Amino acid sequence: MTCVTPIRLPDAADNRVPLGRHSTGALSLDLDRLLAGRLLIQGSSGAGKSRTLRRIIEEAFDYTTIAIVDPEGEFDNLARHIGATTLRAVDLSAEGLTAAAARSRHHRLSIHIDLTDLDPDQRIIKAAAFFAGLVGAPREDWAHTVLVCIDEGHLLAPHVAGSARDAEARRLGVATLTDLCARGRKRGLAPVIATQRLAKLSTSVVSELQNFLVGLNVFDRDISRAADLLGFSNREADRLRALAPGDFFAMGPALSPTPVLAHVDPTITDHVGKTPDLRSAASVEAGEAARLLDLAGLAEVADHGPAIALKGTRALDAFLLDPAATDAAAIMDALKRISPNASTSADLARHLSIDTERTDRALNLLSAIAAVDTMPKGGDRIARLHARLRARLSDVAVVTL
């Protein structure tokens, strides 16, 4: 009798990565199903959502290209760990970010977009430009899958605008991020969005997400929306108030068909944004404290303090009638030409052929109306355009005075 050895077929590719553990075993994330269903990580401050996002990136970067969108500048060390290229959005135009997104997809390069030093509107506009580049990549690059990891998603697609002036930027942010989530599957894009507050993140974005990791919640509106996502009753929803840091209810095709309470495992890289340990104030004499604070120099800057509280035409009138306005305008022109670089008070004085006292008075005026970032008066005083203005001049060539 002939013995026939059964042929063992190769296992299907296992693209699951470990995240943590629950009461009956390990919690893993199916990257293939994540690509089709996307993921929301939600929890109040201190719940561990950014650390959970970090854990996912650390485990997934061997499987796919990673794009990290970082509003608070907390993922620089993680970018180095996975070999991602960091781009400071404040130094690039919106068109530059769109081009960078398309090129990173084409060449399969992991990328880290640092959105710090941008005002809220510019942060939304530049993130939207990056998302547009990912979605708009040519069809031949769709096979180059990208895990798009977005921290503090409510800052980029807020549920409501802070003011009428912010409404246009909000609409752009919501539309672009919703489009990324809705059309990303066929284009090889898998958004993973972390947010503190469900009530602050646009419902249009949330409705496109099919996988959820929900942690500690303390606000009633957030608890209500989180309970709806998980299918919890009112009594079960109260459990969200008592979760420990790192504990999340996991549910969705890429995680678990029913909600399971799991604890996310530690990360390899340190989370930069973690809450620091308590540390007492320094014990110094009053005179030494005044010296360290340079109270005399601060008092000179305060000469124009009331202008800070003025709005609209009143602030403009106060600026135009100030004797230092002419020098201030000349300084603005000089700083604009070298943006985003800074200059010293002494160099500005030499460049403009005015004395240092006039230069300092003009810098005080510009500082009072938040037109420049500057240190108090001193021999090595440094000044440069405020971040708000630098963002608008990101295409200006860097030169010297």
Protein backbone atom coordinates (compact mmCIF):
# COMPACT_ATOMS: atom_id res chain seq x y z
CA MET A 1 0.00 0.00 0.00
CA THR A 2 1.40 3.32 -1.08
CA CYS A 3 1.58 6.05 1.54
CA VAL A 4 0.65 9.41 0.16
CA THR A 5 2.03 12.44 1.98
CA PRO A 6 -0.52 15.25 1.97
CA ILE A 7 0.59 18.42 0.27
CA ARG A 8 0.59 21.41 2.64
CA LEU A 9 -0.65 24.53 0.94
CA PRO A 10 1.12 27.77 1.90
CA ASP A 11 -0.72 29.89 4.42
CA ALA A 12 -2.33 33.06 3.20
CA ALA A 13 -0.33 36.14 3.97
CA ASP A 14 -0.85 37.04 7.60
CA ASN A 15 -0.87 40.80 7.80
CA ARG A 16 -2.02 41.06 11.40
CA VAL A 17 0.08 42.99 13.90
CA PRO A 18 -0.09 42.68 17.70
CA LEU A 19 -1.55 45.57 19.69
CA GLY A 20 -2.24 44.25 23.19
CA ARG A 21 -4.19 41.73 25.23
CA HIS A 22 -7.75 41.20 26.42
CA SER A 23 -9.33 38.74 28.83
CA THR A 24 -9.32 35.82 26.39
CA GLY A 25 -6.13 36.37 24.44
CA ALA A 26 -4.20 38.73 22.19
CA LEU A 27 -5.60 41.76 20.38
CA SER A 28 -4.25 42.19 16.87
CA LEU A 29 -4.94 44.58 14.01
CA ASP A 30 -5.64 43.14 10.55
CA LEU A 31 -3.92 45.56 8.18
CA ASP A 32 -5.74 44.23 5.10
CA ARG A 33 -9.12 44.89 6.70
CA LEU A 34 -7.90 48.19 8.07
CA LEU A 35 -7.23 49.29 4.48
CA ALA A 36 -10.89 48.62 3.67
CA GLY A 37 -12.39 49.98 6.88
CA ARG A 38 -10.12 52.65 8.40
CA LEU A 39 -9.73 53.24 12.18
CA LEU A 40 -10.69 55.74 14.86
CA ILE A 41 -8.76 55.95 18.14
CA GLN A 42 -10.61 58.05 20.69
CA GLY A 43 -10.06 58.89 24.34
CA SER A 44 -9.84 61.87 26.65
CA SER A 45 -6.49 63.47 27.47
CA GLY A 46 -4.34 60.88 29.25
CA ALA A 47 -6.27 57.88 27.90
CA GLY A 48 -3.27 56.76 25.84
CA LYS A 49 -4.60 57.38 22.32
CA SER A 50 -1.36 58.92 20.97
CA ARG A 51 0.63 56.07 22.50
CA THR A 52 -1.76 53.60 20.86
CA LEU A 53 -1.25 55.33 17.50
CA ARG A 54 2.50 55.10 18.12
CA ARG A 55 2.16 51.36 18.84
CA ILE A 56 0.30 50.78 15.57
CA ILE A 57 2.98 52.63 13.58
CA GLU A 58 5.81 50.72 15.25
CA GLU A 59 4.19 47.39 14.40
CA ALA A 60 2.96 48.25 10.89
CA PHE A 61 5.91 50.03 9.26
CA ASP A 62 7.45 46.75 8.07
CA TYR A 63 4.27 46.04 6.09
CA THR A 64 3.45 49.35 4.42
CA THR A 65 4.49 52.94 3.86
CA ILE A 66 3.64 55.27 6.77
CA ALA A 67 2.52 58.90 6.64
CA ILE A 68 2.39 60.61 10.05
CA VAL A 69 0.41 63.86 10.31
CA ASP A 70 1.54 65.46 13.57
CA PRO A 71 -0.17 68.70 14.72
CA GLU A 72 1.76 68.92 18.00
CA GLY A 73 5.26 67.80 16.96
CA GLU A 74 5.22 64.70 19.20
CA PHE A 75 6.32 62.01 16.74
CA ASP A 76 9.80 63.15 15.66
CA ASN A 77 11.58 60.33 17.52
CA LEU A 78 9.15 57.78 16.05
CA ALA A 79 9.82 59.14 12.56
CA ARG A 80 13.54 58.55 13.09
CA HIS A 81 12.83 55.05 14.41
CA ILE A 82 10.95 53.97 11.27
CA GLY A 83 13.17 55.91 8.86
CA ALA A 84 10.51 58.46 7.86
CA THR A 85 11.49 61.83 6.41
CA THR A 86 10.30 64.78 8.51
CA LEU A 87 8.88 67.85 6.73
CA ARG A 88 8.09 71.02 8.67
CA ALA A 89 4.91 72.34 7.12
CA VAL A 90 5.72 75.89 8.22
CA ASP A 91 8.69 75.84 5.83
CA LEU A 92 6.71 74.61 2.82
CA SER A 93 3.88 76.00 0.71
CA ALA A 94 0.59 74.14 0.40
CA GLU A 95 1.52 73.24 -3.19
CA GLY A 96 4.85 71.90 -1.93
CA LEU A 97 3.09 69.59 0.52
CA THR A 98 0.78 68.30 -2.21
CA ALA A 99 3.82 67.52 -4.38
CA ALA A 100 5.63 65.89 -1.44
CA ALA A 101 2.65 63.61 -0.80
CA ALA A 102 2.51 62.49 -4.44
CA ARG A 103 6.27 61.89 -4.60
CA SER A 104 6.32 59.96 -1.32
CA ARG A 105 3.64 57.62 -2.70
CA HIS A 106 5.42 57.13 -6.01
CA HIS A 107 8.74 56.26 -4.36
CA ARG A 108 7.17 54.44 -1.36
CA LEU A 109 8.79 56.75 1.18
CA SER A 110 7.49 57.06 4.73
CA ILE A 111 6.96 60.69 5.68
CA HIS A 112 6.31 62.74 8.83
CA ILE A 113 4.47 66.06 8.47
CA ASP A 114 5.14 68.35 11.46
CA LEU A 115 2.39 71.00 11.67
CA THR A 116 3.73 72.93 14.67
CA ASP A 117 4.25 76.72 14.48
CA LEU A 118 1.17 77.12 12.27
CA ASP A 119 -1.96 79.02 13.23
CA PRO A 120 -5.20 76.93 13.22
CA ASP A 121 -6.28 77.97 9.71
CA GLN A 122 -2.89 77.30 8.14
CA ARG A 123 -2.64 73.96 9.94
CA ILE A 124 -5.90 72.86 8.32
CA ILE A 125 -5.00 74.27 4.90
CA LYS A 126 -1.59 72.61 4.77
CA ALA A 127 -2.84 69.26 6.09
CA ALA A 128 -5.60 69.37 3.48
CA ALA A 129 -3.02 70.02 0.77
CA PHE A 130 -1.05 66.97 1.89
CA PHE A 131 -4.17 64.78 1.91
CA ALA A 132 -5.07 66.01 -1.57
CA GLY A 133 -1.66 64.89 -2.81
CA LEU A 134 -2.16 61.40 -1.38
CA VAL A 135 -5.64 61.00 -2.88
CA GLY A 136 -4.66 62.55 -6.20
CA ALA A 137 -1.74 60.21 -6.87
CA PRO A 138 -1.87 58.57 -10.34
CA ARG A 139 -3.50 55.15 -10.67
CA GLU A 140 -0.18 53.36 -11.15
CA ASP A 141 0.77 54.37 -7.59
CA TRP A 142 -2.41 53.10 -5.94
CA ALA A 143 -0.73 49.75 -5.29
CA HIS A 144 1.77 51.58 -3.03
CA THR A 145 -0.29 51.30 0.16
CA VAL A 146 0.00 54.01 2.83
CA LEU A 147 -1.09 53.97 6.46
CA VAL A 148 -2.08 57.62 7.02
CA CYS A 149 -1.73 58.19 10.79
CA ILE A 150 -3.35 61.43 11.97
CA ASP A 151 -3.03 62.62 15.56
CA GLU A 152 -5.51 65.14 17.06
CA GLY A 153 -7.86 64.77 14.09
CA HIS A 154 -10.36 67.25 15.56
CA LEU A 155 -7.83 70.02 14.89
CA LEU A 156 -7.85 69.23 11.16
CA ALA A 157 -11.57 68.49 10.67
CA PRO A 158 -13.44 70.22 13.53
CA HIS A 159 -17.13 69.59 14.10
CA VAL A 160 -17.83 73.33 14.26
CA ALA A 161 -15.88 76.45 13.31
CA GLY A 162 -14.53 78.67 16.06
CA SER A 163 -15.72 81.79 14.23
CA ALA A 164 -17.14 82.91 10.90
CA ARG A 165 -13.57 83.59 9.76
CA ASP A 166 -12.65 79.96 10.49
CA ALA A 167 -15.63 78.49 8.62
CA GLU A 168 -13.97 78.34 5.20
CA ALA A 169 -10.88 76.58 6.52
CA ARG A 170 -13.08 74.15 8.48
CA ARG A 171 -15.08 73.26 5.37
CA LEU A 172 -11.85 72.58 3.48
CA GLY A 173 -10.49 70.40 6.29
CA VAL A 174 -13.69 68.38 6.69
CA ALA A 175 -14.15 67.90 2.95
CA THR A 176 -10.57 66.80 2.35
CA LEU A 177 -10.31 64.40 5.30
CA THR A 178 -13.75 62.92 4.53
CA ASP A 179 -12.64 62.41 0.92
CA LEU A 180 -9.46 60.69 2.10
CA CYS A 181 -11.52 58.30 4.22
CA ALA A 182 -14.23 57.71 1.61
CA ARG A 183 -12.02 57.17 -1.45
CA GLY A 184 -8.90 55.88 0.25
CA ARG A 185 -9.62 52.13 0.00
CA LYS A 186 -9.34 51.84 -3.79
CA ARG A 187 -6.34 54.16 -3.75
CA GLY A 188 -4.39 52.12 -1.19
CA LEU A 189 -4.84 54.61 1.67
CA ALA A 190 -5.76 53.53 5.20
CA PRO A 191 -6.46 56.50 7.52
CA VAL A 192 -5.97 56.00 11.27
CA ILE A 193 -7.35 59.02 13.12
CA ALA A 194 -6.77 59.75 16.81
CA THR A 195 -8.82 62.38 18.65
CA GLN A 196 -9.49 63.49 22.22
CA ARG A 197 -13.11 64.47 21.71
CA LEU A 198 -15.68 62.77 19.50
CA ALA A 199 -17.86 65.84 19.94
CA LYS A 200 -15.13 67.98 18.36
CA LEU A 201 -14.42 65.75 15.33
CA SER A 202 -16.63 66.18 12.27
CA THR A 203 -19.40 63.59 12.06
CA SER A 204 -18.76 63.37 8.30
CA VAL A 205 -15.32 61.96 9.04
CA VAL A 206 -16.47 59.62 11.84
CA SER A 207 -19.21 58.16 9.63
CA GLU A 208 -16.54 56.87 7.20
CA LEU A 209 -14.69 54.87 9.88
CA GLN A 210 -15.52 51.21 10.57
CA ASN A 211 -12.98 50.21 13.24
CA PHE A 212 -12.82 51.73 16.71
CA LEU A 213 -10.54 51.86 19.74
CA VAL A 214 -12.40 53.80 22.43
CA GLY A 215 -10.74 54.66 25.72
CA LEU A 216 -11.45 56.81 28.77
CA ASN A 217 -14.19 59.42 28.31
CA VAL A 218 -15.40 61.99 30.83
CA PHE A 219 -17.75 64.31 28.93
CA ASP A 220 -21.38 63.30 28.49
CA ARG A 221 -21.51 64.17 24.77
CA ASP A 222 -18.40 62.12 24.06
CA ILE A 223 -19.69 59.19 26.10
CA SER A 224 -23.01 59.27 24.26
CA ARG A 225 -21.38 59.27 20.82
CA ALA A 226 -18.84 56.61 21.81
CA ALA A 227 -21.62 54.39 23.17
CA ASP A 228 -23.47 54.71 19.86
CA LEU A 229 -20.36 53.62 17.96
CA LEU A 230 -19.89 50.56 20.19
CA GLY A 231 -23.59 49.71 20.48
CA PHE A 232 -23.54 50.17 24.27
CA SER A 233 -26.57 50.68 26.46
CA ASN A 234 -26.65 53.61 28.90
CA ARG A 235 -25.46 51.34 31.72
CA GLU A 236 -22.60 49.94 29.62
CA ALA A 237 -21.63 53.46 28.55
CA ASP A 238 -20.76 54.33 32.16
CA ARG A 239 -17.84 51.90 31.90
CA LEU A 240 -16.12 54.43 29.64
CA ARG A 241 -15.72 56.78 32.63
CA ALA A 242 -13.63 54.27 34.60
CA LEU A 243 -11.10 53.01 32.04
CA ALA A 244 -7.42 53.10 32.96
CA PRO A 245 -4.79 54.67 30.65
CA GLY A 246 -4.05 52.25 27.83
CA ASP A 247 -7.41 50.43 28.14
CA PHE A 248 -9.59 50.56 25.03
CA PHE A 249 -12.76 48.91 23.80
CA ALA A 250 -11.85 47.45 20.41
CA MET A 251 -14.42 46.72 17.71
CA GLY A 252 -14.55 46.44 13.93
CA PRO A 253 -13.64 44.10 11.07
CA ALA A 254 -9.92 44.71 11.59
CA LEU A 255 -10.09 44.19 15.37
CA SER A 256 -13.02 42.22 16.79
CA PRO A 257 -16.61 41.56 15.61
CA THR A 258 -17.91 42.54 19.06
CA PRO A 259 -16.49 45.06 21.57
CA VAL A 260 -13.67 43.65 23.70
CA LEU A 261 -11.84 45.49 26.45
CA ALA A 262 -8.09 45.31 25.81
CA HIS A 263 -4.94 46.88 27.19
CA VAL A 264 -2.51 48.19 24.57
CA ASP A 265 1.07 46.96 24.96
CA PRO A 266 3.99 49.35 25.61
CA THR A 267 5.75 51.14 22.76
CA ILE A 268 9.40 50.93 21.75
CA THR A 269 9.82 54.69 21.40
CA ASP A 270 8.96 57.12 24.18
CA HIS A 271 5.82 59.20 23.81
CA VAL A 272 7.00 62.82 23.81
CA GLY A 273 3.58 64.21 24.69
CA LYS A 274 3.09 62.24 27.90
CA THR A 275 2.13 64.14 31.05
CA PRO A 276 5.33 65.10 32.93
CA ASP A 277 5.89 64.17 36.55
CA LEU A 278 5.14 66.80 39.21
CA ARG A 279 8.08 69.05 40.03
CA SER A 280 8.18 71.75 42.67
CA ALA A 281 8.92 75.41 41.96
CA ALA A 282 12.47 76.71 42.40
CA SER A 283 13.33 78.21 45.77
CA VAL A 284 14.93 81.62 45.06
CA GLU A 285 14.93 85.04 46.67
CA ALA A 286 12.69 87.79 45.29
CA GLY A 287 15.63 89.76 43.93
CA GLU A 288 17.06 86.75 42.14
CA ALA A 289 13.62 85.96 40.64
CA ALA A 290 13.37 89.54 39.33
CA ARG A 291 16.82 89.18 37.76
CA LEU A 292 15.99 85.85 36.11
CA LEU A 293 12.75 87.29 34.72
CA ASP A 294 14.53 90.50 33.62
CA LEU A 295 11.59 92.51 34.94
CA ALA A 296 13.17 95.81 33.90
CA GLY A 297 13.37 94.68 30.28
CA LEU A 298 9.81 93.34 30.36
CA ALA A 299 8.58 96.69 31.65
CA GLU A 300 9.95 98.38 28.52
CA VAL A 301 8.12 95.90 26.31
CA ALA A 302 4.95 96.63 28.28
CA ASP A 303 4.99 100.25 27.06
CA HIS A 304 2.76 99.09 24.21
CA GLY A 305 0.79 96.52 26.21
CA PRO A 306 -2.65 98.17 25.83
CA ALA A 307 -2.45 97.77 22.04
CA ILE A 308 -2.63 94.00 22.48
CA ALA A 309 -6.20 94.27 23.72
CA LEU A 310 -7.35 96.46 20.83
CA LYS A 311 -9.19 94.99 17.87
CA GLY A 312 -9.68 95.94 14.26
CA THR A 313 -9.35 99.62 13.34
CA ARG A 314 -8.59 100.65 16.93
CA ALA A 315 -5.44 98.52 16.90
CA LEU A 316 -4.51 99.87 13.47
CA ASP A 317 -5.01 103.47 14.63
CA ALA A 318 -2.85 102.88 17.72
CA PHE A 319 -0.09 101.45 15.53
CA LEU A 320 -0.19 104.23 12.90
CA LEU A 321 -0.12 107.04 15.49
CA ASP A 322 2.81 105.57 17.40
CA PRO A 323 6.09 107.49 16.82
CA ALA A 324 7.86 104.16 16.23
CA ALA A 325 5.52 103.09 13.40
CA THR A 326 7.88 104.18 10.59
CA ASP A 327 10.81 102.26 12.03
CA ALA A 328 8.53 99.29 12.72
CA ALA A 329 7.44 99.19 9.07
CA ALA A 330 11.07 99.22 7.94
CA ILE A 331 11.90 96.37 10.32
CA MET A 332 8.94 94.34 9.02
CA ASP A 333 10.22 94.77 5.47
CA ALA A 334 13.70 93.63 6.49
CA LEU A 335 12.46 90.59 8.44
CA LYS A 336 10.12 89.63 5.62
CA ARG A 337 13.05 89.40 3.23
CA ILE A 338 14.94 86.91 5.42
CA SER A 339 11.95 84.91 6.72
CA PRO A 340 11.90 82.37 8.31
CA ASN A 341 15.33 83.39 9.64
CA ALA A 342 15.81 85.76 12.57
CA SER A 343 18.03 88.80 13.04
CA THR A 344 19.57 90.59 15.99
CA SER A 345 18.56 94.06 17.09
CA ALA A 346 22.09 95.27 16.41
CA ASP A 347 22.06 93.96 12.82
CA LEU A 348 18.67 95.55 12.18
CA ALA A 349 19.93 98.88 13.51
CA ARG A 350 22.99 98.77 11.23
CA HIS A 351 20.93 97.71 8.22
CA LEU A 352 18.39 100.49 8.71
CA SER A 353 20.96 103.10 9.82
CA ILE A 354 19.10 103.90 13.05
CA ASP A 355 20.26 103.71 16.64
CA THR A 356 19.57 100.71 18.86
CA GLU A 357 17.11 102.63 21.07
CA ARG A 358 14.85 103.34 18.08
CA THR A 359 15.21 99.73 16.95
CA ASP A 360 14.19 98.40 20.35
CA ARG A 361 11.20 100.74 20.58
CA ALA A 362 10.01 99.60 17.14
CA LEU A 363 10.48 95.95 18.11
CA ASN A 364 8.47 96.56 21.30
CA LEU A 365 5.65 97.95 19.18
CA LEU A 366 5.73 95.01 16.77
CA SER A 367 5.86 92.54 19.63
CA ALA A 368 2.83 94.17 21.27
CA ILE A 369 0.71 93.61 18.15
CA ALA A 370 2.05 90.06 17.68
CA ALA A 371 3.80 90.89 14.40
CA VAL A 372 7.22 89.61 15.52
CA ASP A 373 8.60 87.08 17.96
CA THR A 374 11.30 88.76 20.03
CA MET A 375 13.19 88.52 23.27
CA PRO A 376 13.17 91.46 25.72
CA LYS A 377 15.58 94.32 25.23
CA GLY A 378 19.24 93.40 25.53
CA GLY A 379 22.55 93.28 23.69
CA ASP A 380 21.73 90.00 21.95
CA ARG A 381 18.03 90.61 21.33
CA ILE A 382 16.68 88.36 18.55
CA ALA A 383 13.64 89.07 16.36
CA ARG A 384 11.83 87.33 13.53
CA LEU A 385 8.39 87.41 11.97
CA HIS A 386 5.59 85.85 14.00
CA ALA A 387 4.80 82.22 13.01
CA ARG A 388 1.46 83.38 11.59
CA LEU A 389 3.27 85.61 9.10
CA ARG A 390 6.10 83.20 8.40
CA ALA A 391 3.53 80.64 7.29
CA ARG A 392 2.27 83.05 4.66
CA LEU A 393 5.78 83.61 3.31
CA SER A 394 6.96 80.02 3.06
CA ASP A 395 7.92 80.48 -0.60
CA VAL A 396 10.20 83.47 0.01
CA ALA A 397 13.87 82.74 -0.75
CA VAL A 398 16.17 82.87 2.27
CA VAL A 399 18.72 85.70 1.98
CA THR A 400 20.73 87.82 4.38
CA LEU A 401 20.36 91.50 5.14
